[in-house]
Amino acid sequence: MQEESAARARHVVGVVGRSGSGKTTLLEIVVGRLAARGLKVNVIKHSHHDVELEPPQKDSARLRLAGAAEVMIASPFRFAVIHELRGAEQPSLEQQLARLAPADLTLVEGFKSYAFDKLEVYRALGQAPLYPDDPNIVAVASNQPRPVDLREGLAWLDLNAPQAVLDWLLARLAAPALPK
């Protein structure tokens, strides 16, 4: 798929894992440390649920509900664009990436069915890991010991040592991007 190869060519890494595994907590730490180093990091957070970004009584929500295709909320501190799909298909990951400003790294939480490099956050919470069935998972951050039968080339990182995950990401950033 063309969009999958384009995602691979950029510094885009997916972060996947079961609910409650600690994806967002790990991302908070890693994004904070990368930003402290002066790197620009974008994050796409996928949700299967409806997202309500503003209280229903606010002007922006009222205008969106009245039928606006997009509403931009702008302030001296930040801006957000709310785009209503109104029954249209959800944009692909590539379309979502194209809407973002350039960055040193884009981390994508979710979109686990897409074929691009991913880091799995895995805790033994009674659920099976994803990496055995997903060849696009190139690293696992886990609180479990490294399995003896781990497939070759799959990095095993200590989830309780976020610096290991940070070092792994920084090494990926230092590597040349794959050609399109």
N, C-alpha and C. Protein backbone atom coordinates (compact mmCIF):
# COMPACT_ATOMS: atom_id res chain seq x y z
N MET A 1 0.84 -1.19 0.00
CA MET A 1 0.00 0.00 0.00
C MET A 1 0.88 1.24 0.00
N GLN A 2 0.59 2.21 -0.83
CA GLN A 2 1.43 3.39 -0.98
C GLN A 2 1.55 4.17 0.33
N GLU A 3 0.45 4.35 1.05
CA GLU A 3 0.52 5.15 2.27
C GLU A 3 1.35 4.47 3.34
N GLU A 4 1.34 3.14 3.36
CA GLU A 4 2.14 2.43 4.35
C GLU A 4 3.62 2.64 4.09
N SER A 5 4.05 2.61 2.81
CA SER A 5 5.45 2.82 2.51
C SER A 5 5.84 4.27 2.79
N ALA A 6 4.93 5.20 2.57
CA ALA A 6 5.23 6.60 2.88
C ALA A 6 5.39 6.79 4.39
N ALA A 7 4.57 6.10 5.18
CA ALA A 7 4.71 6.19 6.64
C ALA A 7 6.06 5.62 7.07
N ARG A 8 6.51 4.55 6.44
CA ARG A 8 7.81 3.97 6.78
C ARG A 8 8.95 4.91 6.43
N ALA A 9 8.79 5.67 5.35
CA ALA A 9 9.86 6.54 4.88
C ALA A 9 10.09 7.72 5.82
N ARG A 10 9.11 8.08 6.58
CA ARG A 10 9.24 9.19 7.53
C ARG A 10 9.64 8.63 8.88
N HIS A 11 9.96 9.54 9.77
CA HIS A 11 10.22 9.13 11.15
C HIS A 11 8.88 9.04 11.87
N VAL A 12 8.18 7.95 11.60
CA VAL A 12 6.88 7.67 12.20
C VAL A 12 6.98 6.32 12.88
N VAL A 13 6.58 6.28 14.13
CA VAL A 13 6.59 5.03 14.88
C VAL A 13 5.24 4.88 15.55
N GLY A 14 4.63 3.73 15.35
CA GLY A 14 3.38 3.43 16.03
C GLY A 14 3.65 2.93 17.44
N VAL A 15 2.75 3.20 18.32
CA VAL A 15 2.81 2.68 19.69
C VAL A 15 1.50 1.96 19.92
N VAL A 16 1.61 0.64 20.09
CA VAL A 16 0.42 -0.19 20.22
C VAL A 16 0.50 -1.02 21.49
N GLY A 17 -0.62 -1.56 21.87
CA GLY A 17 -0.67 -2.42 23.05
C GLY A 17 -2.10 -2.53 23.52
N ARG A 18 -2.31 -3.47 24.38
CA ARG A 18 -3.65 -3.68 24.94
C ARG A 18 -4.03 -2.51 25.84
N SER A 19 -5.33 -2.34 26.02
CA SER A 19 -5.83 -1.30 26.91
C SER A 19 -5.28 -1.52 28.32
N GLY A 20 -4.79 -0.44 28.92
CA GLY A 20 -4.25 -0.52 30.27
C GLY A 20 -2.79 -0.92 30.34
N SER A 21 -2.14 -1.07 29.20
CA SER A 21 -0.74 -1.52 29.20
C SER A 21 0.24 -0.41 29.56
N GLY A 22 -0.17 0.84 29.46
CA GLY A 22 0.71 1.95 29.81
C GLY A 22 1.25 2.73 28.63
N LYS A 23 0.57 2.64 27.47
CA LYS A 23 1.03 3.34 26.27
C LYS A 23 1.13 4.85 26.51
N THR A 24 0.06 5.44 27.01
CA THR A 24 0.04 6.89 27.18
C THR A 24 1.04 7.34 28.24
N THR A 25 1.17 6.58 29.31
CA THR A 25 2.14 6.94 30.35
C THR A 25 3.55 6.93 29.79
N LEU A 26 3.89 5.90 29.02
CA LEU A 26 5.21 5.84 28.40
C LEU A 26 5.39 7.00 27.43
N LEU A 27 4.37 7.26 26.62
CA LEU A 27 4.47 8.36 25.65
C LEU A 27 4.67 9.71 26.35
N GLU A 28 4.00 9.93 27.46
CA GLU A 28 4.18 11.19 28.20
C GLU A 28 5.65 11.39 28.56
N ILE A 29 6.27 10.35 29.07
CA ILE A 29 7.67 10.43 29.49
C ILE A 29 8.57 10.66 28.29
N VAL A 30 8.40 9.84 27.25
CA VAL A 30 9.26 9.90 26.07
C VAL A 30 9.09 11.24 25.35
N VAL A 31 7.85 11.67 25.13
CA VAL A 31 7.63 12.96 24.45
C VAL A 31 8.25 14.09 25.26
N GLY A 32 8.08 14.07 26.56
CA GLY A 32 8.67 15.11 27.41
C GLY A 32 10.18 15.17 27.28
N ARG A 33 10.82 14.00 27.28
CA ARG A 33 12.29 13.96 27.19
C ARG A 33 12.78 14.35 25.80
N LEU A 34 12.06 13.96 24.77
CA LEU A 34 12.44 14.35 23.41
C LEU A 34 12.28 15.86 23.23
N ALA A 35 11.17 16.41 23.73
CA ALA A 35 10.94 17.86 23.63
C ALA A 35 11.99 18.63 24.42
N ALA A 36 12.40 18.10 25.57
CA ALA A 36 13.44 18.75 26.38
C ALA A 36 14.77 18.79 25.64
N ARG A 37 14.99 17.86 24.71
CA ARG A 37 16.21 17.85 23.89
C ARG A 37 16.07 18.77 22.69
N GLY A 38 14.92 19.44 22.55
CA GLY A 38 14.72 20.36 21.45
C GLY A 38 14.14 19.73 20.19
N LEU A 39 13.71 18.48 20.29
CA LEU A 39 13.12 17.82 19.14
C LEU A 39 11.64 18.15 19.05
N LYS A 40 11.15 18.28 17.83
CA LYS A 40 9.73 18.51 17.61
C LYS A 40 9.07 17.15 17.42
N VAL A 41 8.10 16.86 18.27
CA VAL A 41 7.42 15.57 18.25
C VAL A 41 5.93 15.80 18.04
N ASN A 42 5.37 15.13 17.05
CA ASN A 42 3.93 15.12 16.84
C ASN A 42 3.38 13.80 17.37
N VAL A 43 2.14 13.82 17.78
CA VAL A 43 1.47 12.60 18.24
C VAL A 43 0.10 12.55 17.59
N ILE A 44 -0.23 11.38 17.07
CA ILE A 44 -1.59 11.10 16.62
C ILE A 44 -2.14 10.08 17.59
N LYS A 45 -3.24 10.39 18.23
CA LYS A 45 -3.89 9.49 19.17
C LYS A 45 -5.20 9.05 18.53
N HIS A 46 -5.28 7.78 18.19
CA HIS A 46 -6.49 7.25 17.56
C HIS A 46 -7.47 6.83 18.64
N SER A 47 -8.74 7.08 18.40
CA SER A 47 -9.79 6.67 19.33
C SER A 47 -10.91 6.01 18.56
N HIS A 48 -11.46 4.98 19.15
CA HIS A 48 -12.62 4.32 18.54
C HIS A 48 -13.92 4.97 19.00
N HIS A 49 -13.82 5.94 19.90
CA HIS A 49 -14.98 6.58 20.47
C HIS A 49 -15.16 7.98 19.89
N ASP A 50 -16.34 8.53 20.03
CA ASP A 50 -16.59 9.90 19.62
C ASP A 50 -15.73 10.82 20.48
N VAL A 51 -15.18 11.84 19.88
CA VAL A 51 -14.31 12.78 20.58
C VAL A 51 -15.03 14.11 20.66
N GLU A 52 -15.23 14.58 21.85
CA GLU A 52 -15.88 15.86 22.09
C GLU A 52 -14.81 16.79 22.66
N LEU A 53 -14.37 17.78 21.87
CA LEU A 53 -13.26 18.62 22.28
C LEU A 53 -13.66 19.92 22.95
N GLU A 54 -14.91 20.29 22.82
CA GLU A 54 -15.33 21.53 23.44
C GLU A 54 -16.71 21.32 24.08
N PRO A 55 -16.99 22.05 25.15
CA PRO A 55 -18.31 21.91 25.78
C PRO A 55 -19.42 22.27 24.80
N PRO A 56 -20.54 21.54 24.82
CA PRO A 56 -21.61 21.74 23.84
C PRO A 56 -22.17 23.17 23.77
N GLN A 57 -22.08 23.94 24.85
CA GLN A 57 -22.66 25.28 24.85
C GLN A 57 -21.71 26.34 24.29
N LYS A 58 -20.45 26.00 24.06
CA LYS A 58 -19.49 26.96 23.54
C LYS A 58 -19.80 27.30 22.08
N ASP A 59 -19.41 28.51 21.67
CA ASP A 59 -19.70 28.98 20.31
C ASP A 59 -19.18 28.01 19.25
N SER A 60 -17.95 27.52 19.43
CA SER A 60 -17.35 26.64 18.43
C SER A 60 -18.17 25.36 18.27
N ALA A 61 -18.63 24.80 19.36
CA ALA A 61 -19.46 23.58 19.29
C ALA A 61 -20.80 23.89 18.65
N ARG A 62 -21.36 25.03 18.99
CA ARG A 62 -22.66 25.40 18.41
C ARG A 62 -22.55 25.56 16.90
N LEU A 63 -21.46 26.16 16.43
CA LEU A 63 -21.27 26.35 14.99
C LEU A 63 -21.01 25.02 14.28
N ARG A 64 -20.27 24.14 14.92
CA ARG A 64 -20.02 22.82 14.36
C ARG A 64 -21.32 22.05 14.26
N LEU A 65 -22.11 22.09 15.31
CA LEU A 65 -23.39 21.39 15.32
C LEU A 65 -24.38 22.01 14.33
N ALA A 66 -24.20 23.30 14.04
CA ALA A 66 -25.07 23.96 13.07
C ALA A 66 -24.77 23.50 11.64
N GLY A 67 -23.61 22.88 11.43
CA GLY A 67 -23.31 22.35 10.10
C GLY A 67 -21.96 22.72 9.52
N ALA A 68 -21.14 23.47 10.24
CA ALA A 68 -19.82 23.83 9.71
C ALA A 68 -19.01 22.57 9.43
N ALA A 69 -18.32 22.55 8.30
CA ALA A 69 -17.47 21.40 7.95
C ALA A 69 -16.24 21.35 8.84
N GLU A 70 -15.63 22.52 9.07
CA GLU A 70 -14.50 22.63 9.98
C GLU A 70 -14.67 23.89 10.83
N VAL A 71 -14.24 23.78 12.05
CA VAL A 71 -14.22 24.93 12.95
C VAL A 71 -12.81 25.00 13.54
N MET A 72 -12.20 26.17 13.43
CA MET A 72 -10.90 26.38 14.06
C MET A 72 -11.12 27.21 15.31
N ILE A 73 -10.58 26.73 16.40
CA ILE A 73 -10.57 27.49 17.65
C ILE A 73 -9.15 28.00 17.79
N ALA A 74 -8.98 29.32 17.89
CA ALA A 74 -7.66 29.91 17.94
C ALA A 74 -7.53 30.82 19.14
N SER A 75 -6.39 30.75 19.81
CA SER A 75 -6.09 31.63 20.93
C SER A 75 -4.61 31.96 20.88
N PRO A 76 -4.15 32.85 21.75
CA PRO A 76 -2.71 33.15 21.78
C PRO A 76 -1.87 31.95 22.25
N PHE A 77 -2.50 30.89 22.74
CA PHE A 77 -1.77 29.76 23.31
C PHE A 77 -1.78 28.51 22.45
N ARG A 78 -2.83 28.30 21.66
CA ARG A 78 -2.94 27.10 20.82
C ARG A 78 -4.10 27.28 19.87
N PHE A 79 -4.17 26.38 18.90
CA PHE A 79 -5.34 26.33 18.04
C PHE A 79 -5.67 24.87 17.79
N ALA A 80 -6.91 24.63 17.43
CA ALA A 80 -7.37 23.29 17.10
C ALA A 80 -8.36 23.40 15.96
N VAL A 81 -8.30 22.42 15.08
CA VAL A 81 -9.26 22.35 13.98
C VAL A 81 -10.12 21.12 14.22
N ILE A 82 -11.41 21.34 14.29
CA ILE A 82 -12.36 20.23 14.42
C ILE A 82 -12.99 20.05 13.06
N HIS A 83 -12.78 18.88 12.49
CA HIS A 83 -13.29 18.57 11.15
C HIS A 83 -14.36 17.50 11.30
N GLU A 84 -15.55 17.81 10.89
CA GLU A 84 -16.66 16.87 10.97
C GLU A 84 -16.65 15.95 9.76
N LEU A 85 -16.70 14.66 9.98
CA LEU A 85 -16.73 13.71 8.87
C LEU A 85 -18.12 13.59 8.26
N ARG A 86 -19.14 13.78 9.06
CA ARG A 86 -20.52 13.75 8.58
C ARG A 86 -20.80 12.57 7.67
N GLY A 87 -20.39 11.37 8.13
CA GLY A 87 -20.66 10.15 7.40
C GLY A 87 -19.58 9.74 6.43
N ALA A 88 -18.62 10.61 6.17
CA ALA A 88 -17.51 10.27 5.27
C ALA A 88 -16.60 9.26 5.97
N GLU A 89 -15.83 8.54 5.17
CA GLU A 89 -14.90 7.55 5.71
C GLU A 89 -13.82 8.24 6.54
N GLN A 90 -13.41 7.55 7.60
CA GLN A 90 -12.33 8.09 8.42
C GLN A 90 -11.07 8.24 7.56
N PRO A 91 -10.37 9.38 7.66
CA PRO A 91 -9.15 9.55 6.88
C PRO A 91 -8.12 8.47 7.23
N SER A 92 -7.34 8.09 6.24
CA SER A 92 -6.29 7.10 6.45
C SER A 92 -5.19 7.71 7.32
N LEU A 93 -4.30 6.86 7.77
CA LEU A 93 -3.16 7.35 8.54
C LEU A 93 -2.34 8.32 7.71
N GLU A 94 -2.11 8.01 6.44
CA GLU A 94 -1.34 8.90 5.57
C GLU A 94 -2.01 10.27 5.47
N GLN A 95 -3.33 10.31 5.34
CA GLN A 95 -4.04 11.58 5.27
C GLN A 95 -3.91 12.33 6.59
N GLN A 96 -3.94 11.62 7.69
CA GLN A 96 -3.77 12.27 9.00
C GLN A 96 -2.36 12.85 9.13
N LEU A 97 -1.36 12.06 8.71
CA LEU A 97 0.03 12.52 8.78
C LEU A 97 0.23 13.78 7.93
N ALA A 98 -0.40 13.81 6.78
CA ALA A 98 -0.26 14.96 5.87
C ALA A 98 -0.80 16.25 6.47
N ARG A 99 -1.72 16.15 7.41
CA ARG A 99 -2.31 17.35 8.03
C ARG A 99 -1.40 17.95 9.10
N LEU A 100 -0.44 17.17 9.56
CA LEU A 100 0.44 17.64 10.63
C LEU A 100 1.60 18.47 10.08
N ALA A 101 2.07 19.38 10.90
CA ALA A 101 3.27 20.15 10.55
C ALA A 101 4.47 19.20 10.58
N PRO A 102 5.53 19.54 9.86
CA PRO A 102 6.74 18.70 9.90
C PRO A 102 7.26 18.56 11.32
N ALA A 103 7.85 17.41 11.60
CA ALA A 103 8.39 17.13 12.94
C ALA A 103 9.59 16.21 12.81
N ASP A 104 10.38 16.17 13.86
CA ASP A 104 11.50 15.23 13.91
C ASP A 104 11.00 13.79 14.04
N LEU A 105 9.88 13.63 14.73
CA LEU A 105 9.31 12.31 14.98
C LEU A 105 7.81 12.45 15.17
N THR A 106 7.07 11.53 14.59
CA THR A 106 5.63 11.45 14.84
C THR A 106 5.35 10.10 15.46
N LEU A 107 4.74 10.12 16.62
CA LEU A 107 4.35 8.90 17.31
C LEU A 107 2.86 8.72 17.12
N VAL A 108 2.46 7.52 16.76
CA VAL A 108 1.07 7.22 16.46
C VAL A 108 0.58 6.18 17.44
N GLU A 109 -0.32 6.59 18.32
CA GLU A 109 -0.91 5.63 19.26
C GLU A 109 -2.20 5.10 18.63
N GLY A 110 -2.19 3.84 18.30
CA GLY A 110 -3.33 3.23 17.63
C GLY A 110 -2.98 2.88 16.20
N PHE A 111 -3.99 2.77 15.36
CA PHE A 111 -3.81 2.37 13.96
C PHE A 111 -3.03 1.06 13.89
N LYS A 112 -3.31 0.14 14.83
CA LYS A 112 -2.48 -1.05 14.93
C LYS A 112 -2.62 -2.01 13.76
N SER A 113 -3.67 -1.87 12.94
CA SER A 113 -3.80 -2.76 11.79
C SER A 113 -3.00 -2.28 10.59
N TYR A 114 -2.43 -1.07 10.65
CA TYR A 114 -1.64 -0.53 9.54
C TYR A 114 -0.25 -1.16 9.54
N ALA A 115 0.32 -1.30 8.35
CA ALA A 115 1.64 -1.90 8.19
C ALA A 115 2.73 -0.83 8.21
N PHE A 116 3.14 -0.43 9.41
CA PHE A 116 4.27 0.47 9.57
C PHE A 116 4.95 0.08 10.88
N ASP A 117 6.18 0.52 11.08
CA ASP A 117 6.95 0.10 12.25
C ASP A 117 6.26 0.54 13.53
N LYS A 118 6.19 -0.43 14.47
CA LYS A 118 5.49 -0.17 15.73
C LYS A 118 6.30 -0.67 16.92
N LEU A 119 6.09 0.00 18.02
CA LEU A 119 6.59 -0.40 19.33
C LEU A 119 5.39 -0.88 20.11
N GLU A 120 5.46 -2.10 20.63
CA GLU A 120 4.37 -2.59 21.47
C GLU A 120 4.71 -2.36 22.94
N VAL A 121 3.74 -1.85 23.68
CA VAL A 121 3.85 -1.76 25.13
C VAL A 121 3.10 -2.97 25.66
N TYR A 122 3.84 -3.87 26.32
CA TYR A 122 3.25 -5.13 26.78
C TYR A 122 3.49 -5.36 28.26
N ARG A 123 2.40 -5.52 28.97
CA ARG A 123 2.42 -5.95 30.38
C ARG A 123 1.64 -7.25 30.45
N ALA A 124 2.10 -8.14 31.27
CA ALA A 124 1.37 -9.40 31.46
C ALA A 124 0.14 -9.11 32.32
N LEU A 125 -0.96 -8.80 31.68
CA LEU A 125 -2.21 -8.49 32.38
C LEU A 125 -3.28 -9.53 32.05
N GLY A 126 -2.83 -10.73 31.72
CA GLY A 126 -3.76 -11.79 31.36
C GLY A 126 -4.16 -11.77 29.91
N GLN A 127 -3.54 -10.91 29.11
CA GLN A 127 -3.81 -10.84 27.67
C GLN A 127 -2.53 -11.16 26.91
N ALA A 128 -2.71 -11.78 25.77
CA ALA A 128 -1.57 -12.14 24.94
C ALA A 128 -0.92 -10.91 24.32
N PRO A 129 0.39 -10.95 24.10
CA PRO A 129 1.04 -9.85 23.40
C PRO A 129 0.63 -9.83 21.94
N LEU A 130 0.86 -8.69 21.30
CA LEU A 130 0.54 -8.53 19.88
C LEU A 130 1.69 -8.93 18.97
N TYR A 131 2.94 -8.80 19.43
CA TYR A 131 4.10 -8.98 18.56
C TYR A 131 4.21 -10.33 17.87
N PRO A 132 3.75 -11.45 18.46
CA PRO A 132 3.89 -12.71 17.73
C PRO A 132 3.10 -12.75 16.42
N ASP A 133 2.03 -11.98 16.34
CA ASP A 133 1.16 -12.00 15.16
C ASP A 133 1.30 -10.76 14.28
N ASP A 134 2.20 -9.84 14.62
CA ASP A 134 2.35 -8.61 13.84
C ASP A 134 3.83 -8.41 13.50
N PRO A 135 4.22 -8.73 12.27
CA PRO A 135 5.63 -8.57 11.89
C PRO A 135 6.07 -7.10 11.82
N ASN A 136 5.13 -6.16 11.89
CA ASN A 136 5.48 -4.73 11.87
C ASN A 136 5.86 -4.21 13.24
N ILE A 137 5.68 -5.02 14.27
CA ILE A 137 6.16 -4.63 15.60
C ILE A 137 7.65 -4.91 15.62
N VAL A 138 8.44 -3.84 15.72
CA VAL A 138 9.90 -3.96 15.64
C VAL A 138 10.57 -3.85 17.01
N ALA A 139 9.77 -3.50 18.03
CA ALA A 139 10.29 -3.42 19.40
C ALA A 139 9.14 -3.62 20.37
N VAL A 140 9.49 -4.16 21.54
CA VAL A 140 8.52 -4.36 22.61
C VAL A 140 9.10 -3.75 23.87
N ALA A 141 8.33 -2.90 24.53
CA ALA A 141 8.68 -2.38 25.85
C ALA A 141 7.81 -3.15 26.84
N SER A 142 8.45 -3.91 27.71
CA SER A 142 7.69 -4.81 28.57
C SER A 142 8.27 -4.85 29.98
N ASN A 143 7.40 -5.22 30.92
CA ASN A 143 7.84 -5.44 32.29
C ASN A 143 8.18 -6.92 32.51
N GLN A 144 8.17 -7.69 31.43
CA GLN A 144 8.46 -9.13 31.47
C GLN A 144 9.88 -9.38 30.95
N PRO A 145 10.48 -10.51 31.39
CA PRO A 145 11.81 -10.84 30.85
C PRO A 145 11.74 -11.14 29.36
N ARG A 146 12.85 -10.94 28.69
CA ARG A 146 12.96 -11.22 27.25
C ARG A 146 12.69 -12.71 27.02
N PRO A 147 11.75 -13.04 26.13
CA PRO A 147 11.50 -14.46 25.83
C PRO A 147 12.69 -15.09 25.12
N VAL A 148 12.93 -16.35 25.38
CA VAL A 148 14.06 -17.04 24.75
C VAL A 148 13.83 -17.26 23.26
N ASP A 149 12.57 -17.37 22.86
CA ASP A 149 12.25 -17.63 21.46
C ASP A 149 11.85 -16.37 20.70
N LEU A 150 12.33 -15.22 21.13
CA LEU A 150 12.00 -13.95 20.48
C LEU A 150 12.55 -13.96 19.06
N ARG A 151 11.73 -13.50 18.10
CA ARG A 151 12.18 -13.50 16.71
C ARG A 151 13.35 -12.54 16.53
N GLU A 152 14.21 -12.91 15.61
CA GLU A 152 15.41 -12.14 15.34
C GLU A 152 15.05 -10.73 14.88
N GLY A 153 15.78 -9.76 15.37
CA GLY A 153 15.58 -8.37 14.96
C GLY A 153 14.57 -7.61 15.79
N LEU A 154 13.83 -8.30 16.66
CA LEU A 154 12.83 -7.63 17.50
C LEU A 154 13.52 -7.14 18.78
N ALA A 155 13.54 -5.83 18.97
CA ALA A 155 14.17 -5.25 20.16
C ALA A 155 13.28 -5.48 21.38
N TRP A 156 13.87 -5.84 22.51
CA TRP A 156 13.14 -6.05 23.76
C TRP A 156 13.65 -5.01 24.74
N LEU A 157 12.77 -4.10 25.16
CA LEU A 157 13.13 -2.97 26.01
C LEU A 157 12.45 -3.08 27.35
N ASP A 158 13.10 -2.55 28.37
CA ASP A 158 12.54 -2.58 29.73
C ASP A 158 11.55 -1.43 29.88
N LEU A 159 10.28 -1.78 30.04
CA LEU A 159 9.22 -0.78 30.20
C LEU A 159 9.44 0.07 31.45
N ASN A 160 10.08 -0.50 32.46
CA ASN A 160 10.33 0.22 33.71
C ASN A 160 11.57 1.12 33.63
N ALA A 161 12.21 1.15 32.47
CA ALA A 161 13.37 2.02 32.23
C ALA A 161 13.09 2.83 30.97
N PRO A 162 12.28 3.89 31.09
CA PRO A 162 11.90 4.66 29.90
C PRO A 162 13.09 5.18 29.10
N GLN A 163 14.25 5.34 29.75
CA GLN A 163 15.44 5.80 29.02
C GLN A 163 15.82 4.79 27.93
N ALA A 164 15.56 3.50 28.16
CA ALA A 164 15.86 2.49 27.14
C ALA A 164 14.99 2.71 25.90
N VAL A 165 13.73 3.06 26.12
CA VAL A 165 12.83 3.33 25.00
C VAL A 165 13.27 4.62 24.30
N LEU A 166 13.63 5.62 25.07
CA LEU A 166 14.11 6.88 24.51
C LEU A 166 15.36 6.64 23.67
N ASP A 167 16.32 5.86 24.20
CA ASP A 167 17.54 5.57 23.45
C ASP A 167 17.23 4.83 22.15
N TRP A 168 16.27 3.91 22.19
CA TRP A 168 15.88 3.16 20.99
C TRP A 168 15.29 4.13 19.95
N LEU A 169 14.42 5.03 20.39
CA LEU A 169 13.83 6.01 19.46
C LEU A 169 14.90 6.94 18.89
N LEU A 170 15.82 7.40 19.72
CA LEU A 170 16.87 8.29 19.24
C LEU A 170 17.76 7.59 18.21
N ALA A 171 18.02 6.30 18.42
CA ALA A 171 18.80 5.54 17.45
C ALA A 171 18.06 5.45 16.12
N ARG A 172 16.74 5.30 16.17
CA ARG A 172 15.93 5.26 14.94
C ARG A 172 15.99 6.61 14.22
N LEU A 173 15.95 7.70 14.99
CA LEU A 173 16.02 9.02 14.38
C LEU A 173 17.38 9.27 13.72
N ALA A 174 18.42 8.69 14.29
CA ALA A 174 19.76 8.86 13.73
C ALA A 174 19.95 8.05 12.46
N ALA A 175 19.17 6.98 12.31
CA ALA A 175 19.27 6.14 11.10
C ALA A 175 18.63 6.87 9.93
N PRO A 176 19.16 6.69 8.74
CA PRO A 176 18.55 7.35 7.57
C PRO A 176 17.15 6.80 7.32
N ALA A 177 16.26 7.69 6.87
CA ALA A 177 14.90 7.28 6.54
C ALA A 177 14.95 6.36 5.33
N LEU A 178 14.01 5.45 5.25
CA LEU A 178 13.92 4.54 4.12
C LEU A 178 13.47 5.31 2.89
N PRO A 179 13.94 4.93 1.71
CA PRO A 179 13.48 5.64 0.50
C PRO A 179 12.01 5.35 0.23
N LYS A 180 11.37 6.32 -0.43
CA LYS A 180 9.96 6.15 -0.77
C LYS A 180 9.82 5.20 -1.93
